[in-house]
C-alpha atoms as a PDB file:
ATOM      1  CA  MET A   1      22.647   2.473  13.587  1.00  0.00           C
ATOM      2  CA  GLU A   2      20.991   5.601  14.946  1.00  0.00           C
ATOM      3  CA  PRO A   3      18.102   5.044  17.392  1.00  0.00           C
ATOM      4  CA  GLU A   4      15.639   6.638  14.946  1.00  0.00           C
ATOM      5  CA  THR A   5      16.780   4.375  12.116  1.00  0.00           C
ATOM      6  CA  GLY A   6      16.460   1.319  14.338  1.00  0.00           C
ATOM      7  CA  ALA A   7      13.018   2.409  15.497  1.00  0.00           C
ATOM      8  CA  LEU A   8      11.940   3.005  11.900  1.00  0.00           C
ATOM      9  CA  ARG A   9      13.234  -0.441  10.893  1.00  0.00           C
ATOM     10  CA  ALA A  10      11.324  -2.055  13.772  1.00  0.00           C
ATOM     11  CA  PHE A  11       8.196  -0.195  12.650  1.00  0.00           C
ATOM     12  CA  GLN A  12       8.682  -1.385   9.051  1.00  0.00           C
ATOM     13  CA  THR A  13       9.015  -4.959  10.265  1.00  0.00           C
ATOM     14  CA  ALA A  14       5.824  -4.667  12.315  1.00  0.00           C
ATOM     15  CA  VAL A  15       3.977  -3.215   9.299  1.00  0.00           C
ATOM     16  CA  ALA A  16       5.210  -6.105   7.117  1.00  0.00           C
ATOM     17  CA  GLU A  17       4.022  -8.600   9.743  1.00  0.00           C
ATOM     18  CA  ALA A  18       0.622  -6.881   9.896  1.00  0.00           C
ATOM     19  CA  GLU A  19       0.340  -7.001   6.091  1.00  0.00           C
ATOM     20  CA  LEU A  20       1.053 -10.744   6.139  1.00  0.00           C
ATOM     21  CA  ALA A  21      -1.591 -11.217   8.819  1.00  0.00           C
ATOM     22  CA  LEU A  22      -4.084  -9.179   6.787  1.00  0.00           C
ATOM     23  CA  ALA A  23      -3.356 -11.287   3.702  1.00  0.00           C
ATOM     24  CA  ARG A  24      -4.015 -14.479   5.693  1.00  0.00           C
ATOM     25  CA  ARG A  25      -7.246 -13.064   7.134  1.00  0.00           C
ATOM     26  CA  MET A  26      -8.441 -12.049   3.667  1.00  0.00           C
ATOM     27  CA  SER A  27      -7.389 -15.404   2.173  1.00  0.00           C
ATOM     28  CA  VAL A  28      -5.060 -13.856  -0.409  1.00  0.00           C
ATOM     29  CA  THR A  29      -1.356 -14.290  -1.027  1.00  0.00           C
ATOM     30  CA  PRO A  30       1.152 -11.723   0.238  1.00  0.00           C
ATOM     31  CA  ARG A  31       1.828 -10.703  -3.385  1.00  0.00           C
ATOM     32  CA  ASP A  32      -1.920 -10.249  -3.939  1.00  0.00           C
ATOM     33  CA  MET A  33      -2.027  -8.043  -0.834  1.00  0.00           C
ATOM     34  CA  THR A  34       0.910  -5.993  -2.123  1.00  0.00           C
ATOM     35  CA  ALA A  35      -0.847  -5.593  -5.468  1.00  0.00           C
ATOM     36  CA  MET A  36      -4.045  -4.511  -3.716  1.00  0.00           C
ATOM     37  CA  GLY A  37      -2.058  -1.893  -1.802  1.00  0.00           C
ATOM     38  CA  HIS A  38      -0.699  -0.461  -5.045  1.00  0.00           C
ATOM     39  CA  ILE A  39      -4.167  -0.433  -6.572  1.00  0.00           C
ATOM     40  CA  PHE A  40      -5.903   0.991  -3.485  1.00  0.00           C
ATOM     41  CA  PHE A  41      -3.410   3.759  -2.712  1.00  0.00           C
ATOM     42  CA  ALA A  42      -1.942   4.852  -6.039  1.00  0.00           C
ATOM     43  CA  PRO A  43      -2.319   8.631  -6.401  1.00  0.00           C
ATOM     44  CA  GLU A  44      -3.610   8.076  -9.948  1.00  0.00           C
ATOM     45  CA  PRO A  45      -5.408   4.949 -11.195  1.00  0.00           C
ATOM     46  CA  ILE A  46      -2.986   2.330 -12.489  1.00  0.00           C
ATOM     47  CA  GLY A  47      -3.438  -0.309 -15.151  1.00  0.00           C
ATOM     48  CA  PRO A  48      -2.161  -3.847 -15.391  1.00  0.00           C
ATOM     49  CA  ARG A  49       1.086  -2.671 -17.057  1.00  0.00           C
ATOM     50  CA  GLU A  50       1.916  -0.237 -14.232  1.00  0.00           C
ATOM     51  CA  LEU A  51       1.104  -2.940 -11.696  1.00  0.00           C
ATOM     52  CA  SER A  52       3.401  -5.330 -13.541  1.00  0.00           C
ATOM     53  CA  ASP A  53       6.223  -2.762 -13.395  1.00  0.00           C
ATOM     54  CA  ARG A  54       5.673  -2.040  -9.695  1.00  0.00           C
ATOM     55  CA  LEU A  55       5.686  -5.729  -8.744  1.00  0.00           C
ATOM     56  CA  GLY A  56       8.436  -6.844 -11.118  1.00  0.00           C
ATOM     57  CA  LEU A  57       6.126  -9.292 -12.859  1.00  0.00           C
ATOM     58  CA  THR A  58       5.834 -10.206 -16.490  1.00  0.00           C
ATOM     59  CA  PRO A  59       2.690  -8.894 -18.172  1.00  0.00           C
ATOM     60  CA  ALA A  60       1.334 -12.470 -18.182  1.00  0.00           C
ATOM     61  CA  GLY A  61       2.067 -12.858 -14.462  1.00  0.00           C
ATOM     62  CA  SER A  62       0.402  -9.554 -13.727  1.00  0.00           C
ATOM     63  CA  GLY A  63      -2.596 -10.582 -15.841  1.00  0.00           C
ATOM     64  CA  ASP A  64      -2.962 -13.794 -13.857  1.00  0.00           C
ATOM     65  CA  LEU A  65      -2.751 -11.865 -10.584  1.00  0.00           C
ATOM     66  CA  VAL A  66      -5.371  -9.312 -11.704  1.00  0.00           C
ATOM     67  CA  ASP A  67      -7.640 -12.108 -12.971  1.00  0.00           C
ATOM     68  CA  ARG A  68      -7.389 -13.815  -9.566  1.00  0.00           C
ATOM     69  CA  LEU A  69      -8.154 -10.580  -7.682  1.00  0.00           C
ATOM     70  CA  GLU A  70     -11.061  -9.856  -9.999  1.00  0.00           C
ATOM     71  CA  ARG A  71     -12.522 -13.369  -9.562  1.00  0.00           C
ATOM     72  CA  SER A  72     -12.249 -13.008  -5.789  1.00  0.00           C
ATOM     73  CA  GLY A  73     -14.157  -9.719  -5.943  1.00  0.00           C
ATOM     74  CA  HIS A  74     -11.297  -7.547  -4.661  1.00  0.00           C
ATOM     75  CA  VAL A  75     -10.500  -5.640  -7.855  1.00  0.00           C
ATOM     76  CA  ARG A  76     -12.365  -4.599 -10.959  1.00  0.00           C
ATOM     77  CA  ARG A  77     -11.186  -3.409 -14.344  1.00  0.00           C
ATOM     78  CA  ARG A  78     -12.726  -0.325 -15.887  1.00  0.00           C
ATOM     79  CA  PRO A  79     -12.018   1.743 -18.977  1.00  0.00           C
ATOM     80  CA  HIS A  80      -9.529   4.578 -18.569  1.00  0.00           C
ATOM     81  CA  ASP A  81     -11.274   7.949 -18.261  1.00  0.00           C
ATOM     82  CA  THR A  82      -9.572   9.530 -21.289  1.00  0.00           C
ATOM     83  CA  ASP A  83      -7.814   6.742 -23.203  1.00  0.00           C
ATOM     84  CA  GLY A  84     -10.349   4.225 -24.475  1.00  0.00           C
ATOM     85  CA  ARG A  85      -7.591   1.717 -25.316  1.00  0.00           C
ATOM     86  CA  ARG A  86      -6.447   1.461 -21.705  1.00  0.00           C
ATOM     87  CA  VAL A  87      -7.905  -0.257 -18.668  1.00  0.00           C
ATOM     88  CA  VAL A  88      -7.399   0.824 -15.066  1.00  0.00           C
ATOM     89  CA  LEU A  89      -7.738  -1.212 -11.914  1.00  0.00           C
ATOM     90  CA  GLU A  90      -9.752  -0.202  -8.900  1.00  0.00           C
ATOM     91  CA  ALA A  91     -10.580  -1.727  -5.574  1.00  0.00           C
ATOM     92  CA  SER A  92     -14.089  -3.025  -5.186  1.00  0.00           C
ATOM     93  CA  ASP A  93     -16.300  -1.551  -2.492  1.00  0.00           C
ATOM     94  CA  ARG A  94     -16.392  -5.004  -0.893  1.00  0.00           C
ATOM     95  CA  ALA A  95     -12.592  -5.169  -0.752  1.00  0.00           C
ATOM     96  CA  ARG A  96     -12.354  -1.722   0.831  1.00  0.00           C
ATOM     97  CA  ALA A  97     -14.962  -2.689   3.432  1.00  0.00           C
ATOM     98  CA  ASP A  98     -13.196  -6.003   4.071  1.00  0.00           C
ATOM     99  CA  VAL A  99      -9.820  -4.305   4.591  1.00  0.00           C
ATOM    100  CA  LEU A 100     -11.327  -1.676   6.897  1.00  0.00           C
ATOM    101  CA  GLY A 101     -13.184  -4.377   8.798  1.00  0.00           C
ATOM    102  CA  HIS A 102      -9.952  -6.231   9.470  1.00  0.00           C
ATOM    103  CA  LEU A 103      -7.937  -3.093  10.197  1.00  0.00           C
ATOM    104  CA  GLY A 104     -10.514  -1.200  12.251  1.00  0.00           C
ATOM    105  CA  ALA A 105      -9.095  -2.128  15.649  1.00  0.00           C
ATOM    106  CA  LEU A 106      -5.524  -1.481  14.511  1.00  0.00           C
ATOM    107  CA  LEU A 107      -6.395   1.942  13.095  1.00  0.00           C
ATOM    108  CA  ALA A 108      -8.275   2.832  16.284  1.00  0.00           C
ATOM    109  CA  ALA A 109      -5.240   1.801  18.354  1.00  0.00           C
ATOM    110  CA  VAL A 110      -2.931   3.982  16.259  1.00  0.00           C
ATOM    111  CA  ASP A 111      -5.354   6.913  16.547  1.00  0.00           C
ATOM    112  CA  ALA A 112      -5.426   6.417  20.326  1.00  0.00           C
ATOM    113  CA  ILE A 113      -1.625   6.479  20.432  1.00  0.00           C
ATOM    114  CA  ALA A 114      -1.557   9.673  18.351  1.00  0.00           C
ATOM    115  CA  SER A 115      -4.072  11.340  20.659  1.00  0.00           C
ATOM    116  CA  GLY A 116      -1.507  11.011  23.466  1.00  0.00           C
ATOM    117  CA  TYR A 117       0.730  13.573  21.752  1.00  0.00           C
ATOM    118  CA  ASP A 118       0.122  17.301  21.651  1.00  0.00           C
ATOM    119  CA  ALA A 119      -0.289  19.195  18.373  1.00  0.00           C
ATOM    120  CA  THR A 120       3.387  20.193  18.210  1.00  0.00           C
ATOM    121  CA  GLU A 121       4.546  16.615  18.742  1.00  0.00           C
ATOM    122  CA  ARG A 122       2.102  15.293  16.137  1.00  0.00           C
ATOM    123  CA  ALA A 123       3.349  17.889  13.648  1.00  0.00           C
ATOM    124  CA  ALA A 124       6.951  16.775  14.259  1.00  0.00           C
ATOM    125  CA  ILE A 125       5.957  13.125  13.808  1.00  0.00           C
ATOM    126  CA  ARG A 126       4.116  13.926  10.554  1.00  0.00           C
ATOM    127  CA  ARG A 127       7.098  15.908   9.293  1.00  0.00           C
ATOM    128  CA  PHE A 128       9.506  13.062  10.131  1.00  0.00           C
ATOM    129  CA  LEU A 129       7.277  10.482   8.448  1.00  0.00           C
ATOM    130  CA  ALA A 130       6.820  12.668   5.347  1.00  0.00           C
ATOM    131  CA  GLU A 131      10.560  13.250   5.025  1.00  0.00           C
ATOM    132  CA  ALA A 132      11.381   9.570   5.645  1.00  0.00           C
ATOM    133  CA  THR A 133       8.774   8.610   3.044  1.00  0.00           C
ATOM    134  CA  GLY A 134      10.457  10.973   0.588  1.00  0.00           C
ATOM    135  CA  ALA A 135      13.848   9.404   1.284  1.00  0.00           C
ATOM    136  CA  TYR A 136      12.464   5.916   0.710  1.00  0.00           C
ATOM    137  CA  ARG A 137      10.742   6.992  -2.521  1.00  0.00           C
ATOM    138  CA  ALA A 138      13.932   8.647  -3.766  1.00  0.00           C
ATOM    139  CA  PHE A 139      15.829   5.443  -3.054  1.00  0.00           C
ATOM    140  CA  ALA A 140      13.195   3.382  -4.876  1.00  0.00           C
ATOM    141  CA  GLU A 141      13.448   5.706  -7.883  1.00  0.00           C
ATOM    142  CA  GLY A 142      17.227   5.298  -7.988  1.00  0.00           C
ATOM    143  CA  ASP A 143      18.362   8.491  -6.284  1.00  0.00           C
ATOM    144  CA  GLN A 144      20.293   7.216  -3.273  1.00  0.00           C
ATOM    145  CA  SER A 145      21.140  10.679  -1.986  1.00  0.00           C
ATOM    146  CA  PRO A 146      17.850  12.191  -0.782  1.00  0.00           C
ATOM    147  CA  SER A 147      17.877  15.851   0.069  1.00  0.00           C
END
């Protein structure tokens, strides 16, 4: 294993551990936390069906998960902007504030680490992360030979 691959794997493990810790601190299950991540960070709003597909759940299982997140105040359903038959999921303001409250110190620590690099180094790090993200997304979509 190349040093960069090993370092990336160690980073992924640390991120997974942090996500588990965040789930515990927010009193939600790890799957609920994963669902919240998909809802919070999807480039376009997603509905229960898309969430079901992303998590590999049955529609009923996804419905139960969304109901639980809605009851806990983390997620709300709203009508789709253009398709009145559809519903999209969005993070509640309270959930966003809760997540940021728990992650504030971690995000500040990462920002402090980044400030120790010059602009050229930060650009190289961003480029590496963007390209690695693309490789992971290509793999997830079934293309195992990223360009």
